[in-house]
Amino acid sequence: MISIWNEMKAWFRDSLTILWARIQYVIGIVGAGLIAVFSDYDFTQLSTMDVQSAFKVLAFAALAGVITEACRRRTL
């Protein structure tokens, strides 16, 4: 069990920042795919979001930035 954990850490080069970047990459690809599949390629609905939905998107982006900065500082 410990050797599997060490192999996983080695794959991320013992860097929390690299792990977080790979998580964001996978979530971004999956999210873009889901949006493309379920929106029938009609992206006009994304540009007409109400204020509450736009705030949620901005809050999520800000949270991702804070987590990224925390990971970066932890692995210096």
PDB file of N, CA and C in Angstrom:
ATOM      1  N   MET A   1       0.823  -1.196   0.000  1.00  0.00           N
ATOM      2  CA  MET A   1       0.000   0.000   0.000  1.00  0.00           C
ATOM      3  C   MET A   1       0.867   1.260   0.000  1.00  0.00           C
ATOM      4  N   ILE A   2       1.914   1.243   0.803  1.00  0.00           N
ATOM      5  CA  ILE A   2       2.793   2.405   0.877  1.00  0.00           C
ATOM      6  C   ILE A   2       3.541   2.594  -0.432  1.00  0.00           C
ATOM      7  N   SER A   3       3.947   1.492  -1.072  1.00  0.00           N
ATOM      8  CA  SER A   3       4.673   1.627  -2.331  1.00  0.00           C
ATOM      9  C   SER A   3       3.773   2.197  -3.423  1.00  0.00           C
ATOM     10  N   ILE A   4       2.485   1.858  -3.412  1.00  0.00           N
ATOM     11  CA  ILE A   4       1.549   2.428  -4.385  1.00  0.00           C
ATOM     12  C   ILE A   4       1.438   3.932  -4.161  1.00  0.00           C
ATOM     13  N   TRP A   5       1.356   4.358  -2.906  1.00  0.00           N
ATOM     14  CA  TRP A   5       1.283   5.785  -2.583  1.00  0.00           C
ATOM     15  C   TRP A   5       2.543   6.503  -3.048  1.00  0.00           C
ATOM     16  N   ASN A   6       3.704   5.887  -2.839  1.00  0.00           N
ATOM     17  CA  ASN A   6       4.965   6.499  -3.275  1.00  0.00           C
ATOM     18  C   ASN A   6       5.032   6.588  -4.794  1.00  0.00           C
ATOM     19  N   GLU A   7       4.504   5.585  -5.494  1.00  0.00           N
ATOM     20  CA  GLU A   7       4.468   5.626  -6.956  1.00  0.00           C
ATOM     21  C   GLU A   7       3.553   6.750  -7.442  1.00  0.00           C
ATOM     22  N   MET A   8       2.409   6.918  -6.778  1.00  0.00           N
ATOM     23  CA  MET A   8       1.489   7.996  -7.159  1.00  0.00           C
ATOM     24  C   MET A   8       2.151   9.353  -6.933  1.00  0.00           C
ATOM     25  N   LYS A   9       2.810   9.526  -5.804  1.00  0.00           N
ATOM     26  CA  LYS A   9       3.487  10.799  -5.526  1.00  0.00           C
ATOM     27  C   LYS A   9       4.597  11.054  -6.536  1.00  0.00           C
ATOM     28  N   ALA A  10       5.302  10.008  -6.932  1.00  0.00           N
ATOM     29  CA  ALA A  10       6.362  10.165  -7.920  1.00  0.00           C
ATOM     30  C   ALA A  10       5.789  10.594  -9.263  1.00  0.00           C
ATOM     31  N   TRP A  11       4.569  10.107  -9.604  1.00  0.00           N
ATOM     32  CA  TRP A  11       3.941  10.496 -10.866  1.00  0.00           C
ATOM     33  C   TRP A  11       3.641  11.988 -10.888  1.00  0.00           C
ATOM     34  N   PHE A  12       3.365  12.559  -9.722  1.00  0.00           N
ATOM     35  CA  PHE A  12       3.132  13.999  -9.608  1.00  0.00           C
ATOM     36  C   PHE A  12       4.394  14.737  -9.168  1.00  0.00           C
ATOM     37  N   ARG A  13       5.513  14.040  -9.166  1.00  0.00           N
ATOM     38  CA  ARG A  13       6.814  14.608  -8.781  1.00  0.00           C
ATOM     39  C   ARG A  13       6.765  15.218  -7.384  1.00  0.00           C
ATOM     40  N   ASP A  14       6.017  14.584  -6.498  1.00  0.00           N
ATOM     41  CA  ASP A  14       5.856  15.042  -5.111  1.00  0.00           C
ATOM     42  C   ASP A  14       5.406  16.495  -5.041  1.00  0.00           C
ATOM     43  N   SER A  15       4.611  16.921  -6.005  1.00  0.00           N
ATOM     44  CA  SER A  15       4.178  18.319  -6.071  1.00  0.00           C
ATOM     45  C   SER A  15       2.663  18.400  -6.023  1.00  0.00           C
ATOM     46  N   LEU A  16       2.164  19.076  -5.024  1.00  0.00           N
ATOM     47  CA  LEU A  16       0.734  19.291  -4.913  1.00  0.00           C
ATOM     48  C   LEU A  16       0.226  20.184  -6.037  1.00  0.00           C
ATOM     49  N   THR A  17       1.075  21.085  -6.512  1.00  0.00           N
ATOM     50  CA  THR A  17       0.694  21.980  -7.606  1.00  0.00           C
ATOM     51  C   THR A  17       0.450  21.203  -8.887  1.00  0.00           C
ATOM     52  N   ILE A  18       1.313  20.229  -9.195  1.00  0.00           N
ATOM     53  CA  ILE A  18       1.129  19.417 -10.394  1.00  0.00           C
ATOM     54  C   ILE A  18      -0.131  18.579 -10.266  1.00  0.00           C
ATOM     55  N   LEU A  19      -0.374  18.011  -9.089  1.00  0.00           N
ATOM     56  CA  LEU A  19      -1.607  17.247  -8.861  1.00  0.00           C
ATOM     57  C   LEU A  19      -2.821  18.127  -9.106  1.00  0.00           C
ATOM     58  N   TRP A  20      -2.836  19.342  -8.551  1.00  0.00           N
ATOM     59  CA  TRP A  20      -3.972  20.251  -8.712  1.00  0.00           C
ATOM     60  C   TRP A  20      -4.152  20.651 -10.174  1.00  0.00           C
ATOM     61  N   ALA A  21      -3.061  20.891 -10.872  1.00  0.00           N
ATOM     62  CA  ALA A  21      -3.149  21.249 -12.289  1.00  0.00           C
ATOM     63  C   ALA A  21      -3.755  20.112 -13.100  1.00  0.00           C
ATOM     64  N   ARG A  22      -3.390  18.887 -12.804  1.00  0.00           N
ATOM     65  CA  ARG A  22      -3.940  17.740 -13.534  1.00  0.00           C
ATOM     66  C   ARG A  22      -5.405  17.531 -13.201  1.00  0.00           C
ATOM     67  N   ILE A  23      -5.794  17.776 -11.970  1.00  0.00           N
ATOM     68  CA  ILE A  23      -7.210  17.684 -11.600  1.00  0.00           C
ATOM     69  C   ILE A  23      -8.018  18.731 -12.365  1.00  0.00           C
ATOM     70  N   GLN A  24      -7.521  19.974 -12.408  1.00  0.00           N
ATOM     71  CA  GLN A  24      -8.224  21.028 -13.135  1.00  0.00           C
ATOM     72  C   GLN A  24      -8.302  20.719 -14.620  1.00  0.00           C
ATOM     73  N   TYR A  25      -7.264  20.127 -15.185  1.00  0.00           N
ATOM     74  CA  TYR A  25      -7.251  19.765 -16.599  1.00  0.00           C
ATOM     75  C   TYR A  25      -8.351  18.745 -16.901  1.00  0.00           C
ATOM     76  N   VAL A  26      -8.436  17.700 -16.083  1.00  0.00           N
ATOM     77  CA  VAL A  26      -9.435  16.659 -16.314  1.00  0.00           C
ATOM     78  C   VAL A  26     -10.844  17.223 -16.137  1.00  0.00           C
ATOM     79  N   ILE A  27     -11.050  18.002 -15.092  1.00  0.00           N
ATOM     80  CA  ILE A  27     -12.370  18.594 -14.864  1.00  0.00           C
ATOM     81  C   ILE A  27     -12.740  19.537 -16.007  1.00  0.00           C
ATOM     82  N   GLY A  28     -11.780  20.287 -16.521  1.00  0.00           N
ATOM     83  CA  GLY A  28     -12.043  21.193 -17.642  1.00  0.00           C
ATOM     84  C   GLY A  28     -12.443  20.453 -18.906  1.00  0.00           C
ATOM     85  N   ILE A  29     -11.735  19.377 -19.212  1.00  0.00           N
ATOM     86  CA  ILE A  29     -12.053  18.588 -20.406  1.00  0.00           C
ATOM     87  C   ILE A  29     -13.424  17.940 -20.266  1.00  0.00           C
ATOM     88  N   VAL A  30     -13.697  17.343 -19.116  1.00  0.00           N
ATOM     89  CA  VAL A  30     -14.997  16.697 -18.895  1.00  0.00           C
ATOM     90  C   VAL A  30     -16.112  17.739 -18.909  1.00  0.00           C
ATOM     91  N   GLY A  31     -15.884  18.873 -18.266  1.00  0.00           N
ATOM     92  CA  GLY A  31     -16.891  19.937 -18.240  1.00  0.00           C
ATOM     93  C   GLY A  31     -17.199  20.480 -19.625  1.00  0.00           C
ATOM     94  N   ALA A  32     -16.163  20.706 -20.415  1.00  0.00           N
ATOM     95  CA  ALA A  32     -16.373  21.195 -21.780  1.00  0.00           C
ATOM     96  C   ALA A  32     -17.131  20.178 -22.615  1.00  0.00           C
ATOM     97  N   GLY A  33     -16.816  18.914 -22.419  1.00  0.00           N
ATOM     98  CA  GLY A  33     -17.540  17.864 -23.141  1.00  0.00           C
ATOM     99  C   GLY A  33     -19.006  17.804 -22.752  1.00  0.00           C
ATOM    100  N   LEU A  34     -19.281  17.916 -21.457  1.00  0.00           N
ATOM    101  CA  LEU A  34     -20.679  17.891 -21.001  1.00  0.00           C
ATOM    102  C   LEU A  34     -21.458  19.092 -21.514  1.00  0.00           C
ATOM    103  N   ILE A  35     -20.825  20.263 -21.509  1.00  0.00           N
ATOM    104  CA  ILE A  35     -21.500  21.457 -22.032  1.00  0.00           C
ATOM    105  C   ILE A  35     -21.803  21.281 -23.511  1.00  0.00           C
ATOM    106  N   ALA A  36     -20.837  20.762 -24.257  1.00  0.00           N
ATOM    107  CA  ALA A  36     -21.049  20.570 -25.696  1.00  0.00           C
ATOM    108  C   ALA A  36     -22.151  19.551 -25.967  1.00  0.00           C
ATOM    109  N   VAL A  37     -22.200  18.485 -25.184  1.00  0.00           N
ATOM    110  CA  VAL A  37     -23.195  17.439 -25.413  1.00  0.00           C
ATOM    111  C   VAL A  37     -24.601  17.910 -25.047  1.00  0.00           C
ATOM    112  N   PHE A  38     -24.741  18.559 -23.901  1.00  0.00           N
ATOM    113  CA  PHE A  38     -26.076  18.888 -23.412  1.00  0.00           C
ATOM    114  C   PHE A  38     -26.600  20.245 -23.869  1.00  0.00           C
ATOM    115  N   SER A  39     -25.793  21.043 -24.544  1.00  0.00           N
ATOM    116  CA  SER A  39     -26.290  22.341 -24.991  1.00  0.00           C
ATOM    117  C   SER A  39     -26.644  22.344 -26.472  1.00  0.00           C
ATOM    118  N   ASP A  40     -26.458  21.222 -27.143  1.00  0.00           N
ATOM    119  CA  ASP A  40     -26.717  21.119 -28.583  1.00  0.00           C
ATOM    120  C   ASP A  40     -25.962  22.203 -29.346  1.00  0.00           C
ATOM    121  N   TYR A  41     -24.791  22.552 -28.870  1.00  0.00           N
ATOM    122  CA  TYR A  41     -23.923  23.563 -29.476  1.00  0.00           C
ATOM    123  C   TYR A  41     -24.599  24.931 -29.570  1.00  0.00           C
ATOM    124  N   ASP A  42     -25.550  25.199 -28.670  1.00  0.00           N
ATOM    125  CA  ASP A  42     -26.190  26.511 -28.595  1.00  0.00           C
ATOM    126  C   ASP A  42     -25.626  27.221 -27.370  1.00  0.00           C
ATOM    127  N   PHE A  43     -24.584  28.010 -27.569  1.00  0.00           N
ATOM    128  CA  PHE A  43     -23.893  28.647 -26.463  1.00  0.00           C
ATOM    129  C   PHE A  43     -24.457  30.017 -26.127  1.00  0.00           C
ATOM    130  N   THR A  44     -25.535  30.444 -26.755  1.00  0.00           N
ATOM    131  CA  THR A  44     -26.118  31.747 -26.441  1.00  0.00           C
ATOM    132  C   THR A  44     -26.681  31.762 -25.027  1.00  0.00           C
ATOM    133  N   GLN A  45     -27.118  30.601 -24.533  1.00  0.00           N
ATOM    134  CA  GLN A  45     -27.661  30.562 -23.181  1.00  0.00           C
ATOM    135  C   GLN A  45     -26.586  30.837 -22.135  1.00  0.00           C
ATOM    136  N   LEU A  46     -25.325  30.564 -22.448  1.00  0.00           N
ATOM    137  CA  LEU A  46     -24.254  30.840 -21.503  1.00  0.00           C
ATOM    138  C   LEU A  46     -23.974  32.337 -21.368  1.00  0.00           C
ATOM    139  N   SER A  47     -24.261  33.103 -22.425  1.00  0.00           N
ATOM    140  CA  SER A  47     -23.994  34.533 -22.366  1.00  0.00           C
ATOM    141  C   SER A  47     -25.148  35.321 -21.741  1.00  0.00           C
ATOM    142  N   THR A  48     -26.258  34.666 -21.478  1.00  0.00           N
ATOM    143  CA  THR A  48     -27.400  35.354 -20.887  1.00  0.00           C
ATOM    144  C   THR A  48     -27.654  34.864 -19.460  1.00  0.00           C
ATOM    145  N   MET A  49     -26.578  34.645 -18.698  1.00  0.00           N
ATOM    146  CA  MET A  49     -26.730  34.182 -17.322  1.00  0.00           C
ATOM    147  C   MET A  49     -27.237  35.308 -16.436  1.00  0.00           C
ATOM    148  N   ASP A  50     -28.007  34.947 -15.426  1.00  0.00           N
ATOM    149  CA  ASP A  50     -28.443  35.954 -14.461  1.00  0.00           C
ATOM    150  C   ASP A  50     -27.287  36.263 -13.503  1.00  0.00           C
ATOM    151  N   VAL A  51     -27.476  37.242 -12.669  1.00  0.00           N
ATOM    152  CA  VAL A  51     -26.408  37.725 -11.795  1.00  0.00           C
ATOM    153  C   VAL A  51     -25.967  36.645 -10.814  1.00  0.00           C
ATOM    154  N   GLN A  52     -26.904  35.893 -10.294  1.00  0.00           N
ATOM    155  CA  GLN A  52     -26.554  34.864  -9.317  1.00  0.00           C
ATOM    156  C   GLN A  52     -25.699  33.765  -9.952  1.00  0.00           C
ATOM    157  N   SER A  53     -26.039  33.342 -11.149  1.00  0.00           N
ATOM    158  CA  SER A  53     -25.260  32.310 -11.830  1.00  0.00           C
ATOM    159  C   SER A  53     -23.870  32.835 -12.194  1.00  0.00           C
ATOM    160  N   ALA A  54     -23.793  34.063 -12.653  1.00  0.00           N
ATOM    161  CA  ALA A  54     -22.497  34.653 -12.991  1.00  0.00           C
ATOM    162  C   ALA A  54     -21.619  34.768 -11.740  1.00  0.00           C
ATOM    163  N   PHE A  55     -22.219  35.124 -10.606  1.00  0.00           N
ATOM    164  CA  PHE A  55     -21.467  35.206  -9.356  1.00  0.00           C
ATOM    165  C   PHE A  55     -20.919  33.839  -8.963  1.00  0.00           C
ATOM    166  N   LYS A  56     -21.714  32.783  -9.136  1.00  0.00           N
ATOM    167  CA  LYS A  56     -21.262  31.432  -8.804  1.00  0.00           C
ATOM    168  C   LYS A  56     -20.059  31.043  -9.660  1.00  0.00           C
ATOM    169  N   VAL A  57     -20.098  31.371 -10.941  1.00  0.00           N
ATOM    170  CA  VAL A  57     -18.988  31.047 -11.833  1.00  0.00           C
ATOM    171  C   VAL A  57     -17.733  31.808 -11.409  1.00  0.00           C
ATOM    172  N   LEU A  58     -17.873  33.096 -11.115  1.00  0.00           N
ATOM    173  CA  LEU A  58     -16.730  33.896 -10.682  1.00  0.00           C
ATOM    174  C   LEU A  58     -16.195  33.433  -9.332  1.00  0.00           C
ATOM    175  N   ALA A  59     -17.081  33.046  -8.433  1.00  0.00           N
ATOM    176  CA  ALA A  59     -16.648  32.549  -7.124  1.00  0.00           C
ATOM    177  C   ALA A  59     -15.878  31.242  -7.276  1.00  0.00           C
ATOM    178  N   PHE A  60     -16.330  30.374  -8.169  1.00  0.00           N
ATOM    179  CA  PHE A  60     -15.622  29.120  -8.412  1.00  0.00           C
ATOM    180  C   PHE A  60     -14.232  29.387  -8.990  1.00  0.00           C
ATOM    181  N   ALA A  61     -14.135  30.313  -9.917  1.00  0.00           N
ATOM    182  CA  ALA A  61     -12.840  30.656 -10.511  1.00  0.00           C
ATOM    183  C   ALA A  61     -11.903  31.250  -9.456  1.00  0.00           C
ATOM    184  N   ALA A  62     -12.447  32.100  -8.582  1.00  0.00           N
ATOM    185  CA  ALA A  62     -11.635  32.689  -7.521  1.00  0.00           C
ATOM    186  C   ALA A  62     -11.165  31.615  -6.535  1.00  0.00           C
ATOM    187  N   LEU A  63     -12.042  30.684  -6.191  1.00  0.00           N
ATOM    188  CA  LEU A  63     -11.675  29.598  -5.290  1.00  0.00           C
ATOM    189  C   LEU A  63     -10.582  28.729  -5.906  1.00  0.00           C
ATOM    190  N   ALA A  64     -10.693  28.444  -7.193  1.00  0.00           N
ATOM    191  CA  ALA A  64      -9.654  27.667  -7.873  1.00  0.00           C
ATOM    192  C   ALA A  64      -8.324  28.401  -7.831  1.00  0.00           C
ATOM    193  N   GLY A  65      -8.344  29.716  -7.985  1.00  0.00           N
ATOM    194  CA  GLY A  65      -7.119  30.499  -7.909  1.00  0.00           C
ATOM    195  C   GLY A  65      -6.504  30.470  -6.523  1.00  0.00           C
ATOM    196  N   VAL A  66      -7.334  30.553  -5.493  1.00  0.00           N
ATOM    197  CA  VAL A  66      -6.830  30.514  -4.111  1.00  0.00           C
ATOM    198  C   VAL A  66      -6.215  29.145  -3.819  1.00  0.00           C
ATOM    199  N   ILE A  67      -6.873  28.074  -4.240  1.00  0.00           N
ATOM    200  CA  ILE A  67      -6.332  26.728  -4.020  1.00  0.00           C
ATOM    201  C   ILE A  67      -5.020  26.556  -4.777  1.00  0.00           C
ATOM    202  N   THR A  68      -4.963  27.062  -5.999  1.00  0.00           N
ATOM    203  CA  THR A  68      -3.729  26.962  -6.791  1.00  0.00           C
ATOM    204  C   THR A  68      -2.583  27.690  -6.103  1.00  0.00           C
ATOM    205  N   GLU A  69      -2.844  28.871  -5.593  1.00  0.00           N
ATOM    206  CA  GLU A  69      -1.799  29.635  -4.901  1.00  0.00           C
ATOM    207  C   GLU A  69      -1.362  28.925  -3.627  1.00  0.00           C
ATOM    208  N   ALA A  70      -2.296  28.343  -2.888  1.00  0.00           N
ATOM    209  CA  ALA A  70      -1.939  27.607  -1.680  1.00  0.00           C
ATOM    210  C   ALA A  70      -1.078  26.389  -2.020  1.00  0.00           C
ATOM    211  N   CYS A  71      -1.421  25.703  -3.086  1.00  0.00           N
ATOM    212  CA  CYS A  71      -0.612  24.549  -3.510  1.00  0.00           C
ATOM    213  C   CYS A  71       0.785  24.999  -3.928  1.00  0.00           C
ATOM    214  N   ARG A  72       0.859  26.089  -4.647  1.00  0.00           N
ATOM    215  CA  ARG A  72       2.154  26.585  -5.114  1.00  0.00           C
ATOM    216  C   ARG A  72       3.053  26.956  -3.935  1.00  0.00           C
ATOM    217  N   ARG A  73       2.492  27.627  -2.952  1.00  0.00           N
ATOM    218  CA  ARG A  73       3.288  28.050  -1.803  1.00  0.00           C
ATOM    219  C   ARG A  73       3.714  26.858  -0.956  1.00  0.00           C
ATOM    220  N   ARG A  74       2.885  25.829  -0.917  1.00  0.00           N
ATOM    221  CA  ARG A  74       3.194  24.652  -0.097  1.00  0.00           C
ATOM    222  C   ARG A  74       4.352  23.856  -0.681  1.00  0.00           C
ATOM    223  N   THR A  75       4.528  23.879  -1.991  1.00  0.00           N
ATOM    224  CA  THR A  75       5.532  23.030  -2.619  1.00  0.00           C
ATOM    225  C   THR A  75       6.807  23.788  -2.977  1.00  0.00           C
ATOM    226  N   LEU A  76       6.984  25.000  -2.483  1.00  0.00           N
ATOM    227  CA  LEU A  76       8.224  25.729  -2.760  1.00  0.00           C
ATOM    228  C   LEU A  76       9.399  25.133  -2.012  1.00  0.00           C
TER     229      LEU A  76
END
